């Protein structure tokens, strides 16, 4: 089996499309994405936690974030409108047989609990498998019950939990990390 190392520009996942942000389309997509993100900022608190790193004021802030973290980013579209987001880290290897990627995702408040993220992630798993990725990981705020349930539904297993405390000591974040082995 030939291992494909690139990601397709468009992934059709039933009634939605995942569009990869590329150099050719990023300004157009990121402008719309920024609007959706800002309109859903309160809804997405479990994703951004109010951290300055995720307070995108303009498209250049988004570009810096993507470039700095060396991310592969897809926007999830329904009826040609952006409704969600999926970021994928670069492939990492623990050894020759263990290749993994970390995922982070969100969907706007009007499209939650419709199975859209579930379908999107299932289609992406097929792509990861073709790339030879055998482990997917994600870290989720423990209070984000729908996302925790999604990971369990998809066969991810919790493998760690952690606390993060702000420098001021005023805020604390509890996360759990999930992992899934991709098998034939």
Protein backbone atom coordinates (compact mmCIF):
# COMPACT_ATOMS: atom_id res chain seq x y z
CA UNK A 1 0.00 0.00 0.00
CA UNK A 2 1.36 3.41 -0.99
CA UNK A 3 1.30 5.92 1.85
CA UNK A 4 -0.03 9.35 0.86
CA UNK A 5 1.61 12.17 2.79
CA UNK A 6 -0.55 15.09 1.69
CA UNK A 7 -4.05 16.16 2.58
CA UNK A 8 -6.72 16.74 -0.07
CA UNK A 9 -7.93 20.29 -0.64
CA UNK A 10 -11.56 19.26 -0.27
CA UNK A 11 -13.09 16.36 1.65
CA UNK A 12 -16.76 15.63 1.04
CA UNK A 13 -18.30 14.20 4.19
CA UNK A 14 -21.96 13.52 3.40
CA UNK A 15 -23.77 16.87 3.60
CA UNK A 16 -20.69 18.94 4.50
CA UNK A 17 -17.36 19.77 2.95
CA UNK A 18 -14.04 20.20 4.65
CA UNK A 19 -11.92 22.76 2.82
CA UNK A 20 -8.22 22.91 3.49
CA UNK A 21 -6.76 26.36 4.01
CA UNK A 22 -4.01 26.78 1.44
CA UNK A 23 -1.91 29.69 0.20
CA UNK A 24 -4.33 30.05 -2.72
CA UNK A 25 -7.52 30.41 -0.69
CA UNK A 26 -6.50 31.46 2.80
CA UNK A 27 -7.38 35.18 2.68
CA UNK A 28 -10.88 34.51 1.39
CA UNK A 29 -11.54 31.63 3.79
CA UNK A 30 -9.91 33.24 6.82
CA UNK A 31 -12.01 36.40 6.47
CA UNK A 32 -15.21 34.36 6.64
CA UNK A 33 -13.74 32.10 9.33
CA UNK A 34 -12.85 35.08 11.52
CA UNK A 35 -16.43 36.33 11.35
CA UNK A 36 -17.86 32.92 12.31
CA UNK A 37 -15.32 32.58 15.11
CA UNK A 38 -16.03 36.01 16.56
CA UNK A 39 -19.82 35.45 16.34
CA UNK A 40 -19.38 32.18 18.27
CA UNK A 41 -16.72 33.39 20.70
CA UNK A 42 -18.82 32.78 23.83
CA UNK A 43 -20.03 29.40 22.56
CA UNK A 44 -16.42 28.36 21.90
CA UNK A 45 -15.13 29.11 25.41
CA UNK A 46 -14.19 25.45 25.91
CA UNK A 47 -11.93 25.74 22.87
CA UNK A 48 -10.26 29.12 23.43
CA UNK A 49 -10.63 29.51 27.23
CA UNK A 50 -10.18 33.25 26.81
CA UNK A 51 -6.46 32.82 26.22
CA UNK A 52 -4.78 35.68 24.37
CA UNK A 53 -3.30 33.22 21.87
CA UNK A 54 -6.83 32.56 20.60
CA UNK A 55 -8.12 36.14 20.53
CA UNK A 56 -7.86 36.67 16.80
CA UNK A 57 -8.50 40.32 15.96
CA UNK A 58 -7.77 40.01 12.26
CA UNK A 59 -6.74 37.60 9.53
CA UNK A 60 -3.04 38.23 10.18
CA UNK A 61 -3.47 36.98 13.77
CA UNK A 62 -4.94 33.76 12.38
CA UNK A 63 -2.15 33.35 9.86
CA UNK A 64 0.49 33.83 12.58
CA UNK A 65 -1.22 31.25 14.81
CA UNK A 66 -1.39 28.68 12.00
CA UNK A 67 2.18 29.32 10.86
CA UNK A 68 3.66 29.42 14.39
CA UNK A 69 2.04 26.09 15.31
CA UNK A 70 2.68 24.56 11.87
CA UNK A 71 -0.93 23.45 11.56
CA UNK A 72 -2.94 21.90 8.78
CA UNK A 73 -6.33 23.57 8.96
CA UNK A 74 -9.70 22.68 7.48
CA UNK A 75 -12.89 24.68 7.72
CA UNK A 76 -16.12 22.72 7.79
CA UNK A 77 -18.72 24.09 5.39
CA UNK A 78 -22.42 23.44 5.00
CA UNK A 79 -24.29 25.05 2.12
CA UNK A 80 -21.01 26.84 1.25
CA UNK A 81 -20.87 28.57 4.64
CA UNK A 82 -18.23 27.94 7.28
CA UNK A 83 -19.70 26.25 10.35
CA UNK A 84 -16.67 24.62 11.95
CA UNK A 85 -12.96 24.11 12.19
CA UNK A 86 -10.47 21.25 12.36
CA UNK A 87 -6.77 21.70 13.02
CA UNK A 88 -4.22 18.97 12.64
CA UNK A 89 -0.68 19.04 13.98
CA UNK A 90 2.29 17.83 12.02
CA UNK A 91 2.95 14.13 12.13
CA UNK A 92 5.05 12.96 15.04
CA UNK A 93 6.80 9.66 15.55
CA UNK A 94 7.66 7.87 18.75
CA UNK A 95 9.35 5.12 16.77
CA UNK A 96 9.13 3.60 13.30
CA UNK A 97 5.79 1.97 14.08
CA UNK A 98 4.06 4.79 15.97
CA UNK A 99 2.97 7.80 13.94
CA UNK A 100 0.45 10.20 15.40
CA UNK A 101 -1.28 13.53 15.02
CA UNK A 102 -3.15 15.75 17.46
CA UNK A 103 -6.55 17.17 16.55
CA UNK A 104 -8.48 20.18 17.72
CA UNK A 105 -11.93 21.09 16.47
CA UNK A 106 -15.09 23.09 17.01
CA UNK A 107 -18.46 23.69 15.42
CA UNK A 108 -20.68 26.77 15.60
CA UNK A 109 -23.58 26.88 18.03
CA UNK A 110 -26.25 26.50 15.32
CA UNK A 111 -24.82 23.19 14.09
CA UNK A 112 -24.06 21.32 17.29
CA UNK A 113 -25.51 17.89 18.00
CA UNK A 114 -26.36 17.18 14.37
CA UNK A 115 -23.63 14.61 13.79
CA UNK A 116 -21.62 16.95 11.56
CA UNK A 117 -18.40 16.79 13.54
CA UNK A 118 -18.75 13.03 13.95
CA UNK A 119 -19.08 12.53 10.18
CA UNK A 120 -16.26 14.96 9.47
CA UNK A 121 -13.85 13.22 11.82
CA UNK A 122 -14.78 9.77 10.49
CA UNK A 123 -13.97 10.86 6.94
CA UNK A 124 -10.68 12.36 8.10
CA UNK A 125 -9.77 9.10 9.85
CA UNK A 126 -9.75 7.41 6.44
CA UNK A 127 -7.24 9.98 5.22
CA UNK A 128 -5.07 9.53 8.30
CA UNK A 129 -5.08 5.77 7.76
CA UNK A 130 -3.89 6.23 4.15
CA UNK A 131 -1.05 8.39 5.49
CA UNK A 132 0.10 5.64 7.81
CA UNK A 133 -1.02 7.48 10.94
CA UNK A 134 -1.93 4.94 13.59
CA UNK A 135 -2.75 7.14 16.60
CA UNK A 136 -4.95 10.23 16.90
CA UNK A 137 -4.97 12.35 20.04
CA UNK A 138 -7.02 15.27 21.29
CA UNK A 139 -7.21 17.29 24.50
CA UNK A 140 -10.63 18.46 25.64
CA UNK A 141 -11.91 20.63 28.45
CA UNK A 142 -13.48 18.18 30.89
CA UNK A 143 -16.62 20.36 31.11
CA UNK A 144 -17.17 20.13 27.35
CA UNK A 145 -19.53 17.17 27.74
CA UNK A 146 -20.67 16.98 24.08
CA UNK A 147 -17.05 16.78 22.90
CA UNK A 148 -16.11 14.21 25.54
CA UNK A 149 -19.12 12.13 24.47
CA UNK A 150 -18.12 12.49 20.81
CA UNK A 151 -14.67 11.12 21.53
CA UNK A 152 -16.14 8.14 23.37
CA UNK A 153 -18.63 7.51 20.55
CA UNK A 154 -15.77 7.51 18.04
CA UNK A 155 -13.80 4.94 20.01
CA UNK A 156 -11.25 7.28 21.58
CA UNK A 157 -10.06 6.30 25.05
CA UNK A 158 -9.13 8.72 27.79
CA UNK A 159 -5.47 8.30 28.68
CA UNK A 160 -4.70 11.30 30.88
CA UNK A 161 -6.14 14.23 32.76
CA UNK A 162 -4.46 17.47 33.72
CA UNK A 163 -4.97 20.81 35.42
CA UNK A 164 -3.74 24.13 34.13
CA UNK A 165 -3.71 27.13 36.46
CA UNK A 166 -3.33 30.70 35.22
CA UNK A 167 -0.34 32.69 36.39
CA UNK A 168 -2.62 34.80 38.57
CA UNK A 169 -4.07 31.65 40.11
CA UNK A 170 -7.57 32.93 39.41
CA UNK A 171 -8.53 30.48 36.69
CA UNK A 172 -8.08 26.76 36.42
CA UNK A 173 -8.67 24.47 33.47
CA UNK A 174 -9.21 20.74 33.66
CA UNK A 175 -8.59 18.75 30.51
CA UNK A 176 -8.63 15.14 29.54
CA UNK A 177 -6.63 13.70 26.69
CA UNK A 178 -8.08 11.08 24.40
CA UNK A 179 -6.32 8.69 22.06
CA UNK A 180 -7.48 6.37 19.32
CA UNK A 181 -5.51 3.72 17.53
CA UNK A 182 -6.42 3.54 13.86
CA UNK A 183 -6.45 -0.06 12.69
CA UNK A 184 -7.38 -1.82 9.47
